[in-house]
Amino acid sequence: MALKGRIEIKPGVMGGKPVIRGTRIPVEFILRKLAEGATEAELIDAYPTLRKGDIEAAMAWQTNGLTR
């Protein structure tokens, strides 16, 4: 699934922040946890709805300068 398909922004979900589609997990949260040293495996273990592609999409979101 492409980046566009993994990230969504809805005004009524988490105050309109970008989240992983179908969850209330903000992209910003994933990026912060990775910056703090969490691994992809740790995030997936802690948040079973996450997939590796979701984490990759969050990182691409940041890389492409799309974060708010």
PDB file of N, CA and C in Angstrom:
ATOM      1  N   MET A   1       0.854  -1.181   0.000  1.00  0.00           N
ATOM      2  CA  MET A   1       0.000   0.000   0.000  1.00  0.00           C
ATOM      3  C   MET A   1       0.892   1.233   0.000  1.00  0.00           C
ATOM      4  N   ALA A   2       0.538   2.211  -0.779  1.00  0.00           N
ATOM      5  CA  ALA A   2       1.320   3.436  -0.901  1.00  0.00           C
ATOM      6  C   ALA A   2       1.178   4.306   0.347  1.00  0.00           C
ATOM      7  N   LEU A   3       2.098   5.242   0.459  1.00  0.00           N
ATOM      8  CA  LEU A   3       2.075   6.192   1.578  1.00  0.00           C
ATOM      9  C   LEU A   3       0.698   6.820   1.718  1.00  0.00           C
ATOM     10  N   LYS A   4       0.155   7.277   0.631  1.00  0.00           N
ATOM     11  CA  LYS A   4      -1.145   7.945   0.664  1.00  0.00           C
ATOM     12  C   LYS A   4      -2.229   7.036   1.244  1.00  0.00           C
ATOM     13  N   GLY A   5      -2.121   5.744   1.022  1.00  0.00           N
ATOM     14  CA  GLY A   5      -3.113   4.817   1.523  1.00  0.00           C
ATOM     15  C   GLY A   5      -2.950   4.454   2.988  1.00  0.00           C
ATOM     16  N   ARG A   6      -1.814   4.747   3.570  1.00  0.00           N
ATOM     17  CA  ARG A   6      -1.545   4.362   4.963  1.00  0.00           C
ATOM     18  C   ARG A   6      -1.767   5.493   5.951  1.00  0.00           C
ATOM     19  N   ILE A   7      -1.705   6.719   5.488  1.00  0.00           N
ATOM     20  CA  ILE A   7      -1.837   7.883   6.365  1.00  0.00           C
ATOM     21  C   ILE A   7      -3.138   8.597   6.017  1.00  0.00           C
ATOM     22  N   GLU A   8      -3.874   8.994   7.039  1.00  0.00           N
ATOM     23  CA  GLU A   8      -5.091   9.762   6.792  1.00  0.00           C
ATOM     24  C   GLU A   8      -5.184  10.931   7.761  1.00  0.00           C
ATOM     25  N   ILE A   9      -5.898  11.929   7.320  1.00  0.00           N
ATOM     26  CA  ILE A   9      -6.166  13.108   8.146  1.00  0.00           C
ATOM     27  C   ILE A   9      -7.675  13.335   8.127  1.00  0.00           C
ATOM     28  N   LYS A  10      -8.265  13.267   9.313  1.00  0.00           N
ATOM     29  CA  LYS A  10      -9.700  13.512   9.446  1.00  0.00           C
ATOM     30  C   LYS A  10      -9.887  14.498  10.596  1.00  0.00           C
ATOM     31  N   PRO A  11     -10.667  15.542  10.395  1.00  0.00           N
ATOM     32  CA  PRO A  11     -10.861  16.534  11.443  1.00  0.00           C
ATOM     33  C   PRO A  11     -11.326  15.956  12.778  1.00  0.00           C
ATOM     34  N   GLY A  12     -12.129  14.915  12.766  1.00  0.00           N
ATOM     35  CA  GLY A  12     -12.666  14.351  13.999  1.00  0.00           C
ATOM     36  C   GLY A  12     -11.790  13.289  14.652  1.00  0.00           C
ATOM     37  N   VAL A  13     -10.635  13.016  14.069  1.00  0.00           N
ATOM     38  CA  VAL A  13      -9.739  11.990  14.616  1.00  0.00           C
ATOM     39  C   VAL A  13      -8.443  12.644  15.053  1.00  0.00           C
ATOM     40  N   MET A  14      -8.172  12.572  16.335  1.00  0.00           N
ATOM     41  CA  MET A  14      -6.934  13.118  16.921  1.00  0.00           C
ATOM     42  C   MET A  14      -6.702  14.580  16.514  1.00  0.00           C
ATOM     43  N   GLY A  15      -7.759  15.339  16.482  1.00  0.00           N
ATOM     44  CA  GLY A  15      -7.652  16.769  16.192  1.00  0.00           C
ATOM     45  C   GLY A  15      -7.156  17.088  14.798  1.00  0.00           C
ATOM     46  N   GLY A  16      -7.344  16.162  13.868  1.00  0.00           N
ATOM     47  CA  GLY A  16      -6.931  16.407  12.490  1.00  0.00           C
ATOM     48  C   GLY A  16      -5.461  16.134  12.217  1.00  0.00           C
ATOM     49  N   LYS A  17      -4.777  15.527  13.181  1.00  0.00           N
ATOM     50  CA  LYS A  17      -3.368  15.178  12.959  1.00  0.00           C
ATOM     51  C   LYS A  17      -3.288  13.960  12.040  1.00  0.00           C
ATOM     52  N   PRO A  18      -2.196  13.837  11.281  1.00  0.00           N
ATOM     53  CA  PRO A  18      -2.032  12.643  10.456  1.00  0.00           C
ATOM     54  C   PRO A  18      -1.907  11.403  11.337  1.00  0.00           C
ATOM     55  N   VAL A  19      -2.687  10.378  11.032  1.00  0.00           N
ATOM     56  CA  VAL A  19      -2.668   9.117  11.783  1.00  0.00           C
ATOM     57  C   VAL A  19      -2.543   7.957  10.797  1.00  0.00           C
ATOM     58  N   ILE A  20      -2.196   6.801  11.338  1.00  0.00           N
ATOM     59  CA  ILE A  20      -2.206   5.590  10.544  1.00  0.00           C
ATOM     60  C   ILE A  20      -3.670   5.251  10.252  1.00  0.00           C
ATOM     61  N   ARG A  21      -3.989   5.039   8.993  1.00  0.00           N
ATOM     62  CA  ARG A  21      -5.372   4.793   8.564  1.00  0.00           C
ATOM     63  C   ARG A  21      -6.025   3.699   9.403  1.00  0.00           C
ATOM     64  N   GLY A  22      -7.224   4.009   9.867  1.00  0.00           N
ATOM     65  CA  GLY A  22      -8.000   3.047  10.636  1.00  0.00           C
ATOM     66  C   GLY A  22      -7.612   2.943  12.102  1.00  0.00           C
ATOM     67  N   THR A  23      -6.693   3.791  12.535  1.00  0.00           N
ATOM     68  CA  THR A  23      -6.273   3.794  13.940  1.00  0.00           C
ATOM     69  C   THR A  23      -6.326   5.220  14.472  1.00  0.00           C
ATOM     70  N   ARG A  24      -6.002   5.349  15.713  1.00  0.00           N
ATOM     71  CA  ARG A  24      -5.848   6.673  16.321  1.00  0.00           C
ATOM     72  C   ARG A  24      -4.382   6.874  16.709  1.00  0.00           C
ATOM     73  N   ILE A  25      -3.493   6.223  15.971  1.00  0.00           N
ATOM     74  CA  ILE A  25      -2.057   6.314  16.250  1.00  0.00           C
ATOM     75  C   ILE A  25      -1.466   7.411  15.364  1.00  0.00           C
ATOM     76  N   PRO A  26      -1.080   8.548  15.956  1.00  0.00           N
ATOM     77  CA  PRO A  26      -0.533   9.650  15.167  1.00  0.00           C
ATOM     78  C   PRO A  26       0.849   9.333  14.588  1.00  0.00           C
ATOM     79  N   VAL A  27       1.068   9.825  13.386  1.00  0.00           N
ATOM     80  CA  VAL A  27       2.383   9.714  12.748  1.00  0.00           C
ATOM     81  C   VAL A  27       3.439  10.315  13.680  1.00  0.00           C
ATOM     82  N   GLU A  28       3.127  11.446  14.259  1.00  0.00           N
ATOM     83  CA  GLU A  28       4.027  12.145  15.173  1.00  0.00           C
ATOM     84  C   GLU A  28       4.464  11.239  16.332  1.00  0.00           C
ATOM     85  N   PHE A  29       3.551  10.438  16.854  1.00  0.00           N
ATOM     86  CA  PHE A  29       3.859   9.520  17.952  1.00  0.00           C
ATOM     87  C   PHE A  29       4.861   8.465  17.502  1.00  0.00           C
ATOM     88  N   ILE A  30       4.627   7.875  16.342  1.00  0.00           N
ATOM     89  CA  ILE A  30       5.540   6.854  15.826  1.00  0.00           C
ATOM     90  C   ILE A  30       6.936   7.439  15.641  1.00  0.00           C
ATOM     91  N   LEU A  31       7.003   8.611  15.047  1.00  0.00           N
ATOM     92  CA  LEU A  31       8.307   9.247  14.818  1.00  0.00           C
ATOM     93  C   LEU A  31       9.017   9.561  16.129  1.00  0.00           C
ATOM     94  N   ARG A  32       8.258  10.018  17.125  1.00  0.00           N
ATOM     95  CA  ARG A  32       8.859  10.323  18.423  1.00  0.00           C
ATOM     96  C   ARG A  32       9.408   9.063  19.080  1.00  0.00           C
ATOM     97  N   LYS A  33       8.630   7.979  19.047  1.00  0.00           N
ATOM     98  CA  LYS A  33       9.096   6.724  19.657  1.00  0.00           C
ATOM     99  C   LYS A  33      10.350   6.209  18.951  1.00  0.00           C
ATOM    100  N   LEU A  34      10.397   6.315  17.637  1.00  0.00           N
ATOM    101  CA  LEU A  34      11.599   5.891  16.912  1.00  0.00           C
ATOM    102  C   LEU A  34      12.799   6.759  17.299  1.00  0.00           C
ATOM    103  N   ALA A  35      12.575   8.063  17.419  1.00  0.00           N
ATOM    104  CA  ALA A  35      13.657   8.981  17.808  1.00  0.00           C
ATOM    105  C   ALA A  35      14.157   8.691  19.218  1.00  0.00           C
ATOM    106  N   GLU A  36      13.263   8.184  20.057  1.00  0.00           N
ATOM    107  CA  GLU A  36      13.643   7.831  21.430  1.00  0.00           C
ATOM    108  C   GLU A  36      14.356   6.483  21.501  1.00  0.00           C
ATOM    109  N   GLY A  37      14.447   5.783  20.362  1.00  0.00           N
ATOM    110  CA  GLY A  37      15.184   4.531  20.330  1.00  0.00           C
ATOM    111  C   GLY A  37      14.359   3.271  20.186  1.00  0.00           C
ATOM    112  N   ALA A  38      13.049   3.403  20.082  1.00  0.00           N
ATOM    113  CA  ALA A  38      12.210   2.215  19.898  1.00  0.00           C
ATOM    114  C   ALA A  38      12.485   1.606  18.529  1.00  0.00           C
ATOM    115  N   THR A  39      12.402   0.300  18.452  1.00  0.00           N
ATOM    116  CA  THR A  39      12.577  -0.381  17.174  1.00  0.00           C
ATOM    117  C   THR A  39      11.217  -0.616  16.540  1.00  0.00           C
ATOM    118  N   GLU A  40      11.229  -0.938  15.247  1.00  0.00           N
ATOM    119  CA  GLU A  40       9.972  -1.260  14.573  1.00  0.00           C
ATOM    120  C   GLU A  40       9.295  -2.439  15.264  1.00  0.00           C
ATOM    121  N   ALA A  41      10.090  -3.440  15.623  1.00  0.00           N
ATOM    122  CA  ALA A  41       9.535  -4.635  16.273  1.00  0.00           C
ATOM    123  C   ALA A  41       8.881  -4.279  17.605  1.00  0.00           C
ATOM    124  N   GLU A  42       9.495  -3.400  18.375  1.00  0.00           N
ATOM    125  CA  GLU A  42       8.923  -2.993  19.665  1.00  0.00           C
ATOM    126  C   GLU A  42       7.597  -2.260  19.462  1.00  0.00           C
ATOM    127  N   LEU A  43       7.542  -1.391  18.459  1.00  0.00           N
ATOM    128  CA  LEU A  43       6.300  -0.662  18.191  1.00  0.00           C
ATOM    129  C   LEU A  43       5.190  -1.615  17.755  1.00  0.00           C
ATOM    130  N   ILE A  44       5.526  -2.548  16.884  1.00  0.00           N
ATOM    131  CA  ILE A  44       4.526  -3.508  16.414  1.00  0.00           C
ATOM    132  C   ILE A  44       4.056  -4.400  17.556  1.00  0.00           C
ATOM    133  N   ASP A  45       4.970  -4.762  18.441  1.00  0.00           N
ATOM    134  CA  ASP A  45       4.605  -5.577  19.597  1.00  0.00           C
ATOM    135  C   ASP A  45       3.680  -4.800  20.543  1.00  0.00           C
ATOM    136  N   ALA A  46       3.986  -3.522  20.748  1.00  0.00           N
ATOM    137  CA  ALA A  46       3.199  -2.697  21.666  1.00  0.00           C
ATOM    138  C   ALA A  46       1.858  -2.265  21.057  1.00  0.00           C
ATOM    139  N   TYR A  47       1.817  -2.133  19.745  1.00  0.00           N
ATOM    140  CA  TYR A  47       0.609  -1.671  19.048  1.00  0.00           C
ATOM    141  C   TYR A  47       0.316  -2.650  17.906  1.00  0.00           C
ATOM    142  N   PRO A  48      -0.359  -3.749  18.215  1.00  0.00           N
ATOM    143  CA  PRO A  48      -0.564  -4.835  17.249  1.00  0.00           C
ATOM    144  C   PRO A  48      -1.284  -4.439  15.951  1.00  0.00           C
ATOM    145  N   THR A  49      -1.971  -3.314  15.938  1.00  0.00           N
ATOM    146  CA  THR A  49      -2.628  -2.892  14.697  1.00  0.00           C
ATOM    147  C   THR A  49      -1.637  -2.300  13.705  1.00  0.00           C
ATOM    148  N   LEU A  50      -0.447  -1.937  14.179  1.00  0.00           N
ATOM    149  CA  LEU A  50       0.586  -1.391  13.295  1.00  0.00           C
ATOM    150  C   LEU A  50       1.213  -2.497  12.470  1.00  0.00           C
ATOM    151  N   ARG A  51       1.601  -2.140  11.266  1.00  0.00           N
ATOM    152  CA  ARG A  51       2.341  -3.025  10.383  1.00  0.00           C
ATOM    153  C   ARG A  51       3.638  -2.328   9.998  1.00  0.00           C
ATOM    154  N   LYS A  52       4.597  -3.094   9.546  1.00  0.00           N
ATOM    155  CA  LYS A  52       5.883  -2.520   9.149  1.00  0.00           C
ATOM    156  C   LYS A  52       5.677  -1.407   8.113  1.00  0.00           C
ATOM    157  N   GLY A  53       4.794  -1.626   7.169  1.00  0.00           N
ATOM    158  CA  GLY A  53       4.523  -0.615   6.150  1.00  0.00           C
ATOM    159  C   GLY A  53       3.972   0.678   6.723  1.00  0.00           C
ATOM    160  N   ASP A  54       3.233   0.588   7.831  1.00  0.00           N
ATOM    161  CA  ASP A  54       2.713   1.796   8.491  1.00  0.00           C
ATOM    162  C   ASP A  54       3.865   2.633   9.040  1.00  0.00           C
ATOM    163  N   ILE A  55       4.828   1.960   9.642  1.00  0.00           N
ATOM    164  CA  ILE A  55       5.982   2.662  10.209  1.00  0.00           C
ATOM    165  C   ILE A  55       6.819   3.272   9.091  1.00  0.00           C
ATOM    166  N   GLU A  56       6.995   2.525   8.018  1.00  0.00           N
ATOM    167  CA  GLU A  56       7.730   3.049   6.861  1.00  0.00           C
ATOM    168  C   GLU A  56       7.012   4.261   6.276  1.00  0.00           C
ATOM    169  N   ALA A  57       5.683   4.216   6.232  1.00  0.00           N
ATOM    170  CA  ALA A  57       4.907   5.349   5.724  1.00  0.00           C
ATOM    171  C   ALA A  57       5.080   6.572   6.614  1.00  0.00           C
ATOM    172  N   ALA A  58       5.113   6.362   7.935  1.00  0.00           N
ATOM    173  CA  ALA A  58       5.323   7.482   8.866  1.00  0.00           C
ATOM    174  C   ALA A  58       6.689   8.116   8.633  1.00  0.00           C
ATOM    175  N   MET A  59       7.707   7.286   8.420  1.00  0.00           N
ATOM    176  CA  MET A  59       9.052   7.817   8.171  1.00  0.00           C
ATOM    177  C   MET A  59       9.106   8.552   6.832  1.00  0.00           C
ATOM    178  N   ALA A  60       8.423   8.019   5.816  1.00  0.00           N
ATOM    179  CA  ALA A  60       8.380   8.679   4.514  1.00  0.00           C
ATOM    180  C   ALA A  60       7.625  10.004   4.617  1.00  0.00           C
ATOM    181  N   TRP A  61       6.582  10.007   5.416  1.00  0.00           N
ATOM    182  CA  TRP A  61       5.794  11.236   5.646  1.00  0.00           C
ATOM    183  C   TRP A  61       6.706  12.342   6.155  1.00  0.00           C
ATOM    184  N   GLN A  62       7.566  11.986   7.116  1.00  0.00           N
ATOM    185  CA  GLN A  62       8.502  12.966   7.672  1.00  0.00           C
ATOM    186  C   GLN A  62       9.534  13.365   6.626  1.00  0.00           C
ATOM    187  N   THR A  63      10.082  12.389   5.938  1.00  0.00           N
ATOM    188  CA  THR A  63      11.121  12.638   4.938  1.00  0.00           C
ATOM    189  C   THR A  63      10.623  13.552   3.832  1.00  0.00           C
ATOM    190  N   ASN A  64       9.383  13.392   3.447  1.00  0.00           N
ATOM    191  CA  ASN A  64       8.820  14.198   2.375  1.00  0.00           C
ATOM    192  C   ASN A  64       8.357  15.560   2.856  1.00  0.00           C
ATOM    193  N   GLY A  65       8.592  15.865   4.131  1.00  0.00           N
ATOM    194  CA  GLY A  65       8.244  17.173   4.654  1.00  0.00           C
ATOM    195  C   GLY A  65       6.764  17.398   4.792  1.00  0.00           C
ATOM    196  N   LEU A  66       6.026  16.329   5.018  1.00  0.00           N
ATOM    197  CA  LEU A  66       4.578  16.436   5.081  1.00  0.00           C
ATOM    198  C   LEU A  66       4.038  16.516   6.501  1.00  0.00           C
ATOM    199  N   THR A  67       4.914  16.443   7.500  1.00  0.00           N
ATOM    200  CA  THR A  67       4.429  16.493   8.871  1.00  0.00           C
ATOM    201  C   THR A  67       3.982  17.912   9.185  1.00  0.00           C
ATOM    202  N   ARG A  68       3.102  17.995  10.167  1.00  0.00           N
ATOM    203  CA  ARG A  68       2.601  19.321  10.571  1.00  0.00           C
ATOM    204  C   ARG A  68       3.336  19.804  11.778  1.00  0.00           C
TER     205      ARG A  68
END
